[in-house]
C-alpha atoms as a PDB file:
ATOM      1  CA  MET A   1      -3.961 -30.119 -20.614  1.00  0.00           C
ATOM      2  CA  SER A   2      -1.856 -31.267 -17.676  1.00  0.00           C
ATOM      3  CA  ALA A   3      -4.753 -32.745 -15.723  1.00  0.00           C
ATOM      4  CA  GLY A   4      -4.229 -36.283 -16.964  1.00  0.00           C
ATOM      5  CA  ALA A   5      -6.928 -38.674 -15.723  1.00  0.00           C
ATOM      6  CA  GLU A   6      -7.877 -36.442 -12.804  1.00  0.00           C
ATOM      7  CA  SER A   7     -11.225 -34.688 -12.763  1.00  0.00           C
ATOM      8  CA  PRO A   8     -10.973 -31.307 -14.475  1.00  0.00           C
ATOM      9  CA  ILE A   9     -10.750 -28.054 -12.589  1.00  0.00           C
ATOM     10  CA  ARG A  10     -13.649 -25.913 -13.766  1.00  0.00           C
ATOM     11  CA  TRP A  11     -13.035 -22.300 -14.740  1.00  0.00           C
ATOM     12  CA  GLY A  12     -15.305 -19.309 -14.470  1.00  0.00           C
ATOM     13  CA  ILE A  13     -14.560 -16.170 -16.485  1.00  0.00           C
ATOM     14  CA  LEU A  14     -15.405 -12.838 -14.854  1.00  0.00           C
ATOM     15  CA  ALA A  15     -16.079 -10.154 -17.507  1.00  0.00           C
ATOM     16  CA  THR A  16     -16.140 -10.500 -21.281  1.00  0.00           C
ATOM     17  CA  GLY A  17     -13.616  -8.018 -22.653  1.00  0.00           C
ATOM     18  CA  TRP A  18     -10.650  -8.537 -24.961  1.00  0.00           C
ATOM     19  CA  ILE A  19      -8.266 -10.104 -22.440  1.00  0.00           C
ATOM     20  CA  ALA A  20     -11.015 -12.461 -21.229  1.00  0.00           C
ATOM     21  CA  SER A  21     -11.527 -13.550 -24.826  1.00  0.00           C
ATOM     22  CA  GLU A  22      -7.808 -14.149 -25.375  1.00  0.00           C
ATOM     23  CA  PHE A  23      -7.467 -16.172 -22.181  1.00  0.00           C
ATOM     24  CA  THR A  24     -10.601 -18.231 -22.815  1.00  0.00           C
ATOM     25  CA  LYS A  25      -9.517 -18.907 -26.385  1.00  0.00           C
ATOM     26  CA  ASP A  26      -6.274 -20.431 -25.098  1.00  0.00           C
ATOM     27  CA  LEU A  27      -8.067 -22.421 -22.394  1.00  0.00           C
ATOM     28  CA  VAL A  28     -10.445 -23.962 -24.899  1.00  0.00           C
ATOM     29  CA  LEU A  29      -7.659 -24.554 -27.430  1.00  0.00           C
ATOM     30  CA  THR A  30      -5.570 -26.499 -24.922  1.00  0.00           C
ATOM     31  CA  GLY A  31      -8.341 -28.587 -23.352  1.00  0.00           C
ATOM     32  CA  HIS A  32      -9.080 -26.795 -20.095  1.00  0.00           C
ATOM     33  CA  GLU A  33     -12.663 -26.861 -18.871  1.00  0.00           C
ATOM     34  CA  VAL A  34     -14.448 -23.519 -18.958  1.00  0.00           C
ATOM     35  CA  GLN A  35     -17.718 -23.968 -17.097  1.00  0.00           C
ATOM     36  CA  ALA A  36     -19.216 -20.495 -16.776  1.00  0.00           C
ATOM     37  CA  VAL A  37     -18.893 -16.837 -17.626  1.00  0.00           C
ATOM     38  CA  GLY A  38     -20.272 -13.863 -15.740  1.00  0.00           C
ATOM     39  CA  SER A  39     -20.940 -10.348 -16.976  1.00  0.00           C
ATOM     40  CA  ARG A  40     -22.812  -7.314 -15.719  1.00  0.00           C
ATOM     41  CA  ASN A  41     -25.562  -8.188 -18.185  1.00  0.00           C
ATOM     42  CA  LEU A  42     -26.836 -11.544 -19.367  1.00  0.00           C
ATOM     43  CA  GLU A  43     -26.761 -10.651 -23.055  1.00  0.00           C
ATOM     44  CA  SER A  44     -23.009 -10.078 -23.011  1.00  0.00           C
ATOM     45  CA  ALA A  45     -22.406 -13.235 -20.973  1.00  0.00           C
ATOM     46  CA  GLN A  46     -24.551 -15.340 -23.291  1.00  0.00           C
ATOM     47  CA  ALA A  47     -22.810 -14.049 -26.412  1.00  0.00           C
ATOM     48  CA  PHE A  48     -19.447 -14.896 -24.848  1.00  0.00           C
ATOM     49  CA  ALA A  49     -20.680 -18.338 -23.816  1.00  0.00           C
ATOM     50  CA  ASP A  50     -22.012 -19.026 -27.319  1.00  0.00           C
ATOM     51  CA  ARG A  51     -18.720 -17.956 -28.871  1.00  0.00           C
ATOM     52  CA  PHE A  52     -16.623 -20.360 -26.794  1.00  0.00           C
ATOM     53  CA  GLY A  53     -19.087 -23.163 -26.112  1.00  0.00           C
ATOM     54  CA  ILE A  54     -19.337 -22.390 -22.389  1.00  0.00           C
ATOM     55  CA  PRO A  55     -22.221 -24.221 -20.656  1.00  0.00           C
ATOM     56  CA  THR A  56     -23.396 -21.472 -18.290  1.00  0.00           C
ATOM     57  CA  ALA A  57     -23.839 -17.712 -18.702  1.00  0.00           C
ATOM     58  CA  HIS A  58     -24.526 -15.488 -15.694  1.00  0.00           C
ATOM     59  CA  GLY A  59     -25.929 -11.962 -15.841  1.00  0.00           C
ATOM     60  CA  SER A  60     -24.039 -10.787 -12.749  1.00  0.00           C
ATOM     61  CA  TYR A  61     -20.757 -11.416 -10.972  1.00  0.00           C
ATOM     62  CA  GLU A  62     -22.704 -12.447  -7.872  1.00  0.00           C
ATOM     63  CA  GLU A  63     -24.356 -15.273  -9.814  1.00  0.00           C
ATOM     64  CA  LEU A  64     -20.960 -16.435 -11.033  1.00  0.00           C
ATOM     65  CA  ALA A  65     -19.665 -16.404  -7.451  1.00  0.00           C
ATOM     66  CA  ALA A  66     -22.619 -18.549  -6.352  1.00  0.00           C
ATOM     67  CA  ASP A  67     -22.181 -21.136  -9.141  1.00  0.00           C
ATOM     68  CA  PRO A  68     -21.368 -24.469  -7.420  1.00  0.00           C
ATOM     69  CA  ASP A  69     -19.864 -25.882 -10.608  1.00  0.00           C
ATOM     70  CA  VAL A  70     -17.018 -23.333 -10.723  1.00  0.00           C
ATOM     71  CA  ASP A  71     -13.734 -24.027  -8.917  1.00  0.00           C
ATOM     72  CA  ILE A  72     -11.558 -21.068  -9.964  1.00  0.00           C
ATOM     73  CA  VAL A  73     -12.431 -17.661 -11.415  1.00  0.00           C
ATOM     74  CA  TYR A  74     -10.331 -15.568 -13.771  1.00  0.00           C
ATOM     75  CA  VAL A  75     -10.801 -11.875 -12.912  1.00  0.00           C
ATOM     76  CA  SER A  76     -10.370  -9.794 -16.078  1.00  0.00           C
ATOM     77  CA  THR A  77     -12.071  -6.496 -15.323  1.00  0.00           C
ATOM     78  CA  PRO A  78     -10.202  -3.141 -15.504  1.00  0.00           C
ATOM     79  CA  HIS A  79      -7.548  -2.655 -12.822  1.00  0.00           C
ATOM     80  CA  ALA A  80      -9.751  -0.531 -10.559  1.00  0.00           C
ATOM     81  CA  PHE A  81     -12.143  -3.440 -10.004  1.00  0.00           C
ATOM     82  CA  HIS A  82      -9.683  -6.298  -9.450  1.00  0.00           C
ATOM     83  CA  ALA A  83      -9.774  -6.061  -5.664  1.00  0.00           C
ATOM     84  CA  GLU A  84     -13.558  -6.013  -5.220  1.00  0.00           C
ATOM     85  CA  ASN A  85     -14.061  -8.759  -7.812  1.00  0.00           C
ATOM     86  CA  ALA A  86     -11.406 -10.999  -6.254  1.00  0.00           C
ATOM     87  CA  ILE A  87     -12.839 -10.433  -2.762  1.00  0.00           C
ATOM     88  CA  LEU A  88     -16.314 -11.373  -4.003  1.00  0.00           C
ATOM     89  CA  MET A  89     -15.019 -14.647  -5.433  1.00  0.00           C
ATOM     90  CA  LEU A  90     -12.823 -15.512  -2.441  1.00  0.00           C
ATOM     91  CA  ASN A  91     -15.711 -14.922  -0.048  1.00  0.00           C
ATOM     92  CA  ALA A  92     -17.728 -17.354  -2.176  1.00  0.00           C
ATOM     93  CA  GLY A  93     -15.027 -20.000  -1.778  1.00  0.00           C
ATOM     94  CA  LYS A  94     -13.515 -19.738  -5.251  1.00  0.00           C
ATOM     95  CA  HIS A  95      -9.822 -19.795  -6.088  1.00  0.00           C
ATOM     96  CA  VAL A  96      -8.864 -16.750  -8.175  1.00  0.00           C
ATOM     97  CA  LEU A  97      -6.491 -15.891 -10.989  1.00  0.00           C
ATOM     98  CA  VAL A  98      -6.357 -12.080 -11.062  1.00  0.00           C
ATOM     99  CA  GLU A  99      -5.305 -10.307 -14.244  1.00  0.00           C
ATOM    100  CA  LYS A 100      -2.224  -8.149 -13.873  1.00  0.00           C
ATOM    101  CA  PRO A 101      -1.560  -5.702 -12.437  1.00  0.00           C
ATOM    102  CA  PHE A 102      -2.808  -7.504  -9.341  1.00  0.00           C
ATOM    103  CA  THR A 103      -4.576  -4.426  -7.915  1.00  0.00           C
ATOM    104  CA  LEU A 104      -4.331  -0.626  -7.897  1.00  0.00           C
ATOM    105  CA  ASN A 105      -2.046  -0.522  -4.868  1.00  0.00           C
ATOM    106  CA  ALA A 106      -0.291  -2.587  -2.218  1.00  0.00           C
ATOM    107  CA  ALA A 107      -3.037  -2.095   0.383  1.00  0.00           C
ATOM    108  CA  GLN A 108      -5.589  -3.749  -1.900  1.00  0.00           C
ATOM    109  CA  ALA A 109      -3.094  -6.494  -2.739  1.00  0.00           C
ATOM    110  CA  ARG A 110      -2.486  -7.195   0.957  1.00  0.00           C
ATOM    111  CA  GLU A 111      -6.229  -7.431   1.619  1.00  0.00           C
ATOM    112  CA  ILE A 112      -6.722  -9.985  -1.151  1.00  0.00           C
ATOM    113  CA  VAL A 113      -3.697 -12.071  -0.163  1.00  0.00           C
ATOM    114  CA  ASP A 114      -4.656 -12.151   3.506  1.00  0.00           C
ATOM    115  CA  LEU A 115      -8.255 -13.072   2.696  1.00  0.00           C
ATOM    116  CA  ALA A 116      -7.193 -15.917   0.410  1.00  0.00           C
ATOM    117  CA  ALA A 117      -4.796 -17.256   3.046  1.00  0.00           C
ATOM    118  CA  SER A 118      -7.469 -17.122   5.756  1.00  0.00           C
ATOM    119  CA  LYS A 119      -9.795 -19.171   3.583  1.00  0.00           C
ATOM    120  CA  GLY A 120      -7.173 -21.625   2.324  1.00  0.00           C
ATOM    121  CA  LEU A 121      -7.728 -20.529  -1.275  1.00  0.00           C
ATOM    122  CA  LEU A 122      -5.326 -19.904  -4.125  1.00  0.00           C
ATOM    123  CA  VAL A 123      -4.809 -16.367  -5.369  1.00  0.00           C
ATOM    124  CA  LEU A 124      -2.422 -15.990  -8.291  1.00  0.00           C
ATOM    125  CA  GLU A 125      -1.572 -12.922 -10.345  1.00  0.00           C
ATOM    126  CA  ALA A 126      -2.004 -13.574 -14.063  1.00  0.00           C
ATOM    127  CA  MET A 127       1.465 -12.368 -15.024  1.00  0.00           C
ATOM    128  CA  TRP A 128       1.496 -14.818 -17.915  1.00  0.00           C
ATOM    129  CA  THR A 129       5.039 -13.932 -19.018  1.00  0.00           C
ATOM    130  CA  ARG A 130       6.601 -15.819 -16.111  1.00  0.00           C
ATOM    131  CA  PHE A 131       5.013 -19.090 -17.167  1.00  0.00           C
ATOM    132  CA  LEU A 132       5.899 -18.949 -20.879  1.00  0.00           C
ATOM    133  CA  PRO A 133       8.305 -21.572 -22.277  1.00  0.00           C
ATOM    134  CA  HIS A 134      10.949 -19.055 -23.332  1.00  0.00           C
ATOM    135  CA  VAL A 135      11.022 -17.601 -19.822  1.00  0.00           C
ATOM    136  CA  VAL A 136      11.224 -21.110 -18.353  1.00  0.00           C
ATOM    137  CA  ARG A 137      14.329 -21.637 -20.500  1.00  0.00           C
ATOM    138  CA  ILE A 138      15.748 -18.249 -19.451  1.00  0.00           C
ATOM    139  CA  ARG A 139      15.420 -19.261 -15.799  1.00  0.00           C
ATOM    140  CA  GLU A 140      17.276 -22.489 -16.565  1.00  0.00           C
ATOM    141  CA  ILE A 141      20.093 -20.635 -18.320  1.00  0.00           C
ATOM    142  CA  ILE A 142      20.481 -18.271 -15.383  1.00  0.00           C
ATOM    143  CA  SER A 143      20.443 -21.087 -12.822  1.00  0.00           C
ATOM    144  CA  GLU A 144      23.054 -22.993 -14.865  1.00  0.00           C
ATOM    145  CA  GLY A 145      25.405 -20.047 -14.379  1.00  0.00           C
ATOM    146  CA  THR A 146      25.799 -19.324 -18.091  1.00  0.00           C
ATOM    147  CA  LEU A 147      25.568 -15.560 -17.538  1.00  0.00           C
ATOM    148  CA  GLY A 148      27.789 -15.499 -14.467  1.00  0.00           C
ATOM    149  CA  GLU A 149      26.626 -12.972 -11.890  1.00  0.00           C
ATOM    150  CA  LEU A 150      23.546 -11.070 -13.011  1.00  0.00           C
ATOM    151  CA  ARG A 151      24.182  -7.334 -13.141  1.00  0.00           C
ATOM    152  CA  GLN A 152      21.480  -5.614 -15.185  1.00  0.00           C
ATOM    153  CA  PHE A 153      18.058  -5.893 -16.797  1.00  0.00           C
ATOM    154  CA  ASP A 154      16.826  -3.406 -19.407  1.00  0.00           C
ATOM    155  CA  ALA A 155      13.376  -3.492 -21.007  1.00  0.00           C
ATOM    156  CA  ASP A 156      11.209  -1.412 -23.311  1.00  0.00           C
ATOM    157  CA  HIS A 157       7.420  -1.565 -23.391  1.00  0.00           C
ATOM    158  CA  ARG A 158       6.123   1.219 -25.572  1.00  0.00           C
ATOM    159  CA  GLN A 159       2.926   0.863 -27.582  1.00  0.00           C
ATOM    160  CA  LYS A 160       0.844   3.151 -29.755  1.00  0.00           C
ATOM    161  CA  ALA A 161      -2.442   2.712 -27.921  1.00  0.00           C
ATOM    162  CA  PRO A 162      -5.924   4.058 -28.731  1.00  0.00           C
ATOM    163  CA  THR A 163      -6.237   7.791 -28.063  1.00  0.00           C
ATOM    164  CA  ASP A 164      -9.892   7.766 -26.943  1.00  0.00           C
ATOM    165  CA  PRO A 165      -9.803   9.318 -23.444  1.00  0.00           C
ATOM    166  CA  ARG A 166     -12.477   6.856 -22.266  1.00  0.00           C
ATOM    167  CA  HIS A 167     -10.519   3.821 -23.459  1.00  0.00           C
ATOM    168  CA  ARG A 168      -9.528   1.820 -20.370  1.00  0.00           C
ATOM    169  CA  MET A 169      -5.817   2.442 -21.079  1.00  0.00           C
ATOM    170  CA  ASN A 170      -6.357   6.213 -20.816  1.00  0.00           C
ATOM    171  CA  ALA A 171      -9.102   6.417 -18.198  1.00  0.00           C
ATOM    172  CA  LEU A 172      -7.634   7.356 -14.823  1.00  0.00           C
ATOM    173  CA  ASP A 173     -10.697   6.112 -12.942  1.00  0.00           C
ATOM    174  CA  LEU A 174     -10.099   2.638 -14.399  1.00  0.00           C
ATOM    175  CA  GLY A 175      -6.429   2.631 -13.417  1.00  0.00           C
ATOM    176  CA  GLY A 176      -5.382   3.488 -16.954  1.00  0.00           C
ATOM    177  CA  GLY A 177      -1.973   4.833 -17.901  1.00  0.00           C
ATOM    178  CA  ALA A 178       1.412   3.527 -18.945  1.00  0.00           C
ATOM    179  CA  LEU A 179       2.491   2.331 -15.498  1.00  0.00           C
ATOM    180  CA  LEU A 180      -0.230  -0.162 -14.608  1.00  0.00           C
ATOM    181  CA  ASP A 181      -1.033  -1.230 -18.158  1.00  0.00           C
ATOM    182  CA  LEU A 182       2.474  -1.547 -19.592  1.00  0.00           C
ATOM    183  CA  GLY A 183       5.085  -0.819 -16.937  1.00  0.00           C
ATOM    184  CA  ILE A 184       3.900  -3.797 -14.897  1.00  0.00           C
ATOM    185  CA  TYR A 185       5.679  -6.106 -17.372  1.00  0.00           C
ATOM    186  CA  PRO A 186       9.269  -4.875 -16.974  1.00  0.00           C
ATOM    187  CA  ILE A 187       8.753  -4.046 -13.294  1.00  0.00           C
ATOM    188  CA  SER A 188       7.484  -7.547 -12.549  1.00  0.00           C
ATOM    189  CA  PHE A 189      10.251  -9.166 -14.588  1.00  0.00           C
ATOM    190  CA  ALA A 190      12.896  -7.147 -12.762  1.00  0.00           C
ATOM    191  CA  ALA A 191      11.423  -8.407  -9.494  1.00  0.00           C
ATOM    192  CA  HIS A 192      11.583 -11.937 -10.873  1.00  0.00           C
ATOM    193  CA  LEU A 193      15.314 -11.542 -11.492  1.00  0.00           C
ATOM    194  CA  PHE A 194      16.434  -9.453  -8.531  1.00  0.00           C
ATOM    195  CA  GLY A 195      13.672  -9.255  -5.923  1.00  0.00           C
ATOM    196  CA  THR A 196      12.547  -6.031  -4.270  1.00  0.00           C
ATOM    197  CA  PRO A 197      14.606  -2.938  -5.187  1.00  0.00           C
ATOM    198  CA  GLU A 198      16.568  -1.121  -2.519  1.00  0.00           C
ATOM    199  CA  SER A 199      16.032   2.198  -4.282  1.00  0.00           C
ATOM    200  CA  VAL A 200      13.594   3.444  -6.918  1.00  0.00           C
ATOM    201  CA  LEU A 201      13.918   6.412  -9.250  1.00  0.00           C
ATOM    202  CA  ALA A 202      11.040   7.292 -11.565  1.00  0.00           C
ATOM    203  CA  SER A 203      10.005  10.016 -13.986  1.00  0.00           C
ATOM    204  CA  ALA A 204       6.886  10.408 -16.123  1.00  0.00           C
ATOM    205  CA  ARG A 205       4.929  12.415 -18.671  1.00  0.00           C
ATOM    206  CA  PHE A 206       1.156  12.846 -18.344  1.00  0.00           C
ATOM    207  CA  GLN A 207      -1.855  13.151 -20.628  1.00  0.00           C
ATOM    208  CA  GLU A 208      -4.379  15.956 -20.370  1.00  0.00           C
ATOM    209  CA  GLY A 209      -6.788  13.590 -18.614  1.00  0.00           C
ATOM    210  CA  GLY A 210      -4.297  12.915 -15.835  1.00  0.00           C
ATOM    211  CA  ALA A 211      -3.127   9.424 -16.758  1.00  0.00           C
ATOM    212  CA  ASP A 212       0.584   8.808 -17.240  1.00  0.00           C
ATOM    213  CA  SER A 213       1.530   8.431 -20.911  1.00  0.00           C
ATOM    214  CA  GLN A 214       5.223   7.646 -20.349  1.00  0.00           C
ATOM    215  CA  VAL A 215       7.122   6.353 -17.331  1.00  0.00           C
ATOM    216  CA  ALA A 216      10.803   5.535 -16.897  1.00  0.00           C
ATOM    217  CA  THR A 217      12.309   3.708 -13.943  1.00  0.00           C
ATOM    218  CA  ILE A 218      15.736   2.889 -12.505  1.00  0.00           C
ATOM    219  CA  PHE A 219      15.928   0.283  -9.751  1.00  0.00           C
ATOM    220  CA  ARG A 220      18.985  -0.537  -7.654  1.00  0.00           C
ATOM    221  CA  TYR A 221      19.213  -3.701  -5.582  1.00  0.00           C
ATOM    222  CA  ALA A 222      21.073  -4.655  -2.416  1.00  0.00           C
ATOM    223  CA  ASP A 223      23.885  -6.411  -4.300  1.00  0.00           C
ATOM    224  CA  GLY A 224      24.325  -3.519  -6.739  1.00  0.00           C
ATOM    225  CA  GLN A 225      22.293  -4.838  -9.658  1.00  0.00           C
ATOM    226  CA  LEU A 226      20.407  -2.327 -11.785  1.00  0.00           C
ATOM    227  CA  ALA A 227      17.154  -2.584 -13.727  1.00  0.00           C
ATOM    228  CA  THR A 228      15.918   0.082 -16.124  1.00  0.00           C
ATOM    229  CA  SER A 229      12.624   0.335 -17.974  1.00  0.00           C
ATOM    230  CA  ILE A 230      10.759   2.686 -20.268  1.00  0.00           C
ATOM    231  CA  SER A 231       7.036   2.264 -20.870  1.00  0.00           C
ATOM    232  CA  ALA A 232       4.659   4.410 -22.901  1.00  0.00           C
ATOM    233  CA  LEU A 233       1.215   4.177 -24.457  1.00  0.00           C
ATOM    234  CA  ASP A 234       1.588   6.940 -27.052  1.00  0.00           C
ATOM    235  CA  THR A 235       4.748   5.814 -28.881  1.00  0.00           C
ATOM    236  CA  LEU A 236       5.743   2.497 -30.427  1.00  0.00           C
ATOM    237  CA  GLY A 237       9.055   1.203 -29.120  1.00  0.00           C
ATOM    238  CA  PRO A 238      11.169  -1.839 -30.019  1.00  0.00           C
ATOM    239  CA  ASN A 239       9.688  -3.893 -27.139  1.00  0.00           C
ATOM    240  CA  VAL A 240      12.878  -5.824 -26.514  1.00  0.00           C
ATOM    241  CA  ALA A 241      14.723  -6.708 -23.302  1.00  0.00           C
ATOM    242  CA  THR A 242      18.242  -7.667 -22.247  1.00  0.00           C
ATOM    243  CA  ILE A 243      19.541  -9.556 -19.218  1.00  0.00           C
ATOM    244  CA  VAL A 244      23.238  -8.904 -18.628  1.00  0.00           C
ATOM    245  CA  GLY A 245      25.676 -10.890 -16.516  1.00  0.00           C
ATOM    246  CA  THR A 246      29.437 -10.948 -15.984  1.00  0.00           C
ATOM    247  CA  GLU A 247      29.874 -13.862 -18.418  1.00  0.00           C
ATOM    248  CA  GLY A 248      27.245 -13.095 -21.037  1.00  0.00           C
ATOM    249  CA  ARG A 249      23.812 -11.772 -21.826  1.00  0.00           C
ATOM    250  CA  ILE A 250      20.390 -12.745 -23.149  1.00  0.00           C
ATOM    251  CA  ASP A 251      18.809 -10.610 -25.872  1.00  0.00           C
ATOM    252  CA  ILE A 252      15.041 -11.176 -25.888  1.00  0.00           C
ATOM    253  CA  ASP A 253      13.351 -10.215 -29.138  1.00  0.00           C
ATOM    254  CA  SER A 254      10.109  -8.314 -29.687  1.00  0.00           C
ATOM    255  CA  VAL A 255       7.687  -8.701 -28.117  1.00  0.00           C
ATOM    256  CA  TRP A 256       9.862  -9.823 -25.223  1.00  0.00           C
ATOM    257  CA  TYR A 257       7.105 -10.526 -22.664  1.00  0.00           C
ATOM    258  CA  SER A 258       5.041 -12.711 -25.041  1.00  0.00           C
ATOM    259  CA  PRO A 259       6.104 -15.932 -26.830  1.00  0.00           C
ATOM    260  CA  THR A 260       9.216 -14.939 -28.780  1.00  0.00           C
ATOM    261  CA  THR A 261      12.816 -15.779 -29.609  1.00  0.00           C
ATOM    262  CA  PHE A 262      16.054 -14.962 -27.816  1.00  0.00           C
ATOM    263  CA  ARG A 263      19.803 -15.390 -28.107  1.00  0.00           C
ATOM    264  CA  VAL A 264      22.431 -16.100 -25.475  1.00  0.00           C
ATOM    265  CA  LEU A 265      25.775 -14.419 -26.091  1.00  0.00           C
ATOM    266  CA  ASN A 266      28.976 -15.064 -24.173  1.00  0.00           C
ATOM    267  CA  SER A 267      31.328 -12.388 -22.870  1.00  0.00           C
ATOM    268  CA  THR A 268      33.042 -12.068 -26.267  1.00  0.00           C
ATOM    269  CA  GLY A 269      29.755 -11.555 -28.101  1.00  0.00           C
ATOM    270  CA  ASP A 270      29.465 -15.007 -29.668  1.00  0.00           C
ATOM    271  CA  VAL A 271      25.993 -16.556 -29.857  1.00  0.00           C
ATOM    272  CA  VAL A 272      26.032 -19.759 -27.800  1.00  0.00           C
ATOM    273  CA  GLU A 273      22.313 -20.522 -27.885  1.00  0.00           C
ATOM    274  CA  SER A 274      19.340 -19.438 -29.968  1.00  0.00           C
ATOM    275  CA  TYR A 275      15.808 -20.116 -28.757  1.00  0.00           C
ATOM    276  CA  ASP A 276      12.932 -20.377 -31.216  1.00  0.00           C
ATOM    277  CA  GLN A 277      10.102 -22.637 -30.078  1.00  0.00           C
ATOM    278  CA  PRO A 278       6.512 -22.109 -31.283  1.00  0.00           C
ATOM    279  CA  VAL A 279       3.725 -21.850 -28.735  1.00  0.00           C
ATOM    280  CA  GLU A 280       0.159 -22.996 -29.227  1.00  0.00           C
ATOM    281  CA  GLY A 281      -2.254 -20.067 -29.211  1.00  0.00           C
ATOM    282  CA  ARG A 282      -1.254 -16.834 -27.471  1.00  0.00           C
ATOM    283  CA  GLY A 283       0.400 -18.663 -24.590  1.00  0.00           C
ATOM    284  CA  MET A 284      -1.980 -17.738 -21.769  1.00  0.00           C
ATOM    285  CA  GLN A 285      -2.708 -21.378 -20.931  1.00  0.00           C
ATOM    286  CA  PHE A 286       0.555 -21.867 -19.047  1.00  0.00           C
ATOM    287  CA  GLN A 287      -0.571 -19.704 -16.123  1.00  0.00           C
ATOM    288  CA  ALA A 288      -3.764 -21.772 -15.994  1.00  0.00           C
ATOM    289  CA  ASP A 289      -1.642 -24.934 -15.906  1.00  0.00           C
ATOM    290  CA  GLU A 290       0.221 -23.576 -12.898  1.00  0.00           C
ATOM    291  CA  ALA A 291      -2.980 -22.548 -11.106  1.00  0.00           C
ATOM    292  CA  GLU A 292      -4.439 -26.023 -11.609  1.00  0.00           C
ATOM    293  CA  ARG A 293      -1.206 -27.679 -10.447  1.00  0.00           C
ATOM    294  CA  LEU A 294      -1.247 -25.641  -7.255  1.00  0.00           C
ATOM    295  CA  ILE A 295      -4.914 -26.394  -6.540  1.00  0.00           C
ATOM    296  CA  ARG A 296      -4.390 -30.123  -7.009  1.00  0.00           C
ATOM    297  CA  ALA A 297      -1.313 -30.076  -4.790  1.00  0.00           C
ATOM    298  CA  GLY A 298      -3.109 -28.086  -2.109  1.00  0.00           C
ATOM    299  CA  GLU A 299      -0.512 -25.313  -2.387  1.00  0.00           C
ATOM    300  CA  LEU A 300      -1.319 -21.624  -2.002  1.00  0.00           C
ATOM    301  CA  ALA A 301       1.864 -20.039  -3.392  1.00  0.00           C
ATOM    302  CA  SER A 302       3.576 -20.565  -6.735  1.00  0.00           C
ATOM    303  CA  PRO A 303       7.383 -20.644  -6.618  1.00  0.00           C
ATOM    304  CA  ILE A 304       7.254 -18.708  -9.890  1.00  0.00           C
ATOM    305  CA  LEU A 305       5.083 -15.871  -8.543  1.00  0.00           C
ATOM    306  CA  SER A 306       3.929 -15.939  -4.934  1.00  0.00           C
ATOM    307  CA  PRO A 307       1.123 -13.805  -3.488  1.00  0.00           C
ATOM    308  CA  GLU A 308       3.687 -12.043  -1.301  1.00  0.00           C
ATOM    309  CA  GLU A 309       5.709 -11.079  -4.361  1.00  0.00           C
ATOM    310  CA  SER A 310       2.604  -9.625  -5.987  1.00  0.00           C
ATOM    311  CA  VAL A 311       2.137  -7.451  -2.891  1.00  0.00           C
ATOM    312  CA  SER A 312       5.791  -6.378  -3.049  1.00  0.00           C
ATOM    313  CA  ILE A 313       5.506  -5.473  -6.733  1.00  0.00           C
ATOM    314  CA  MET A 314       2.450  -3.324  -6.022  1.00  0.00           C
ATOM    315  CA  ALA A 315       4.414  -1.596  -3.241  1.00  0.00           C
ATOM    316  CA  THR A 316       7.146  -0.793  -5.779  1.00  0.00           C
ATOM    317  CA  MET A 317       4.472   0.609  -8.103  1.00  0.00           C
ATOM    318  CA  ASP A 318       3.140   2.680  -5.186  1.00  0.00           C
ATOM    319  CA  GLU A 319       6.591   4.219  -4.714  1.00  0.00           C
ATOM    320  CA  ILE A 320       6.841   5.009  -8.430  1.00  0.00           C
ATOM    321  CA  ARG A 321       3.453   6.725  -8.269  1.00  0.00           C
ATOM    322  CA  ARG A 322       4.496   8.674  -5.189  1.00  0.00           C
ATOM    323  CA  GLN A 323       7.530   9.988  -7.030  1.00  0.00           C
ATOM    324  CA  ILE A 324       5.681  10.954 -10.203  1.00  0.00           C
ATOM    325  CA  GLY A 325       2.596  12.280  -8.393  1.00  0.00           C
ATOM    326  CA  LEU A 326       0.035   9.810  -9.715  1.00  0.00           C
ATOM    327  CA  VAL A 327      -3.098   9.214  -7.613  1.00  0.00           C
ATOM    328  CA  TYR A 328      -6.158   7.256  -8.750  1.00  0.00           C
ATOM    329  CA  PRO A 329      -9.704   8.452  -7.968  1.00  0.00           C
ATOM    330  CA  GLY A 330     -10.984   7.066  -4.683  1.00  0.00           C
ATOM    331  CA  GLU A 331      -7.554   6.476  -3.146  1.00  0.00           C
END
């Protein structure tokens, strides 16, 4: 853990599903302090606490929000509940790390970001890819000018997901579908490289229940760069990505958005660098490191992913949904 001799920053975990388990596993593995967990029922919270050796289990999110021994809360509920859960924690004076996608839409994102700013609290989107060591190295390579001028980013994120219509990935009322569950990865990474697109073109295929099963996007940026993505939850794709510049490219291997390998090729196709560095656990601890660094420094915006960028990304997702005709219940 990066805390050194300083007093630890104490984590609370909101909800006890799969992603909460994966994140908590990495926190515990790498020496972060997990103080409490909150669930909608005490039995689930206690089982989670017993599994990971967490001191306190709460039978409601409100009890977690009121826990004086918790400094920052990881919000890991389905997408449709991110906004209300984050608002609850911010109003209780807690910093928040909100699982991606940040919210359902840009309006919710703006509300959370403005509330956090008004209270002097950190809000960070848990887009863990940006904080992974291989992506840190990719940023260095780009800044060193190895690729020349960046021109294009292409990414695939297709998975064969569960077909149960009530599974959170398929349930429209939970924000399910390919766009928010899977498309967020290439869309966020494109924003990381190029910023906000000048134009957006999107097309999709839908399930019987109304959720999008496939979505393809083409983004164009002010300086002419292009980013393309294909995401789907009913077909397994190669899950690779490529960053192309005038002097070379980076081929990121499967699964490109998680700890993986990559190669840098020059403009004649020769490999000039190969990256293959193991990561402890799943790699979700690096976003926690950044959140703790920001809190200790008294900073409210990460240079790697600012709250304003999270709002901008949700606005891009809103435009994609407008084009494909995707509306979530309650909007």
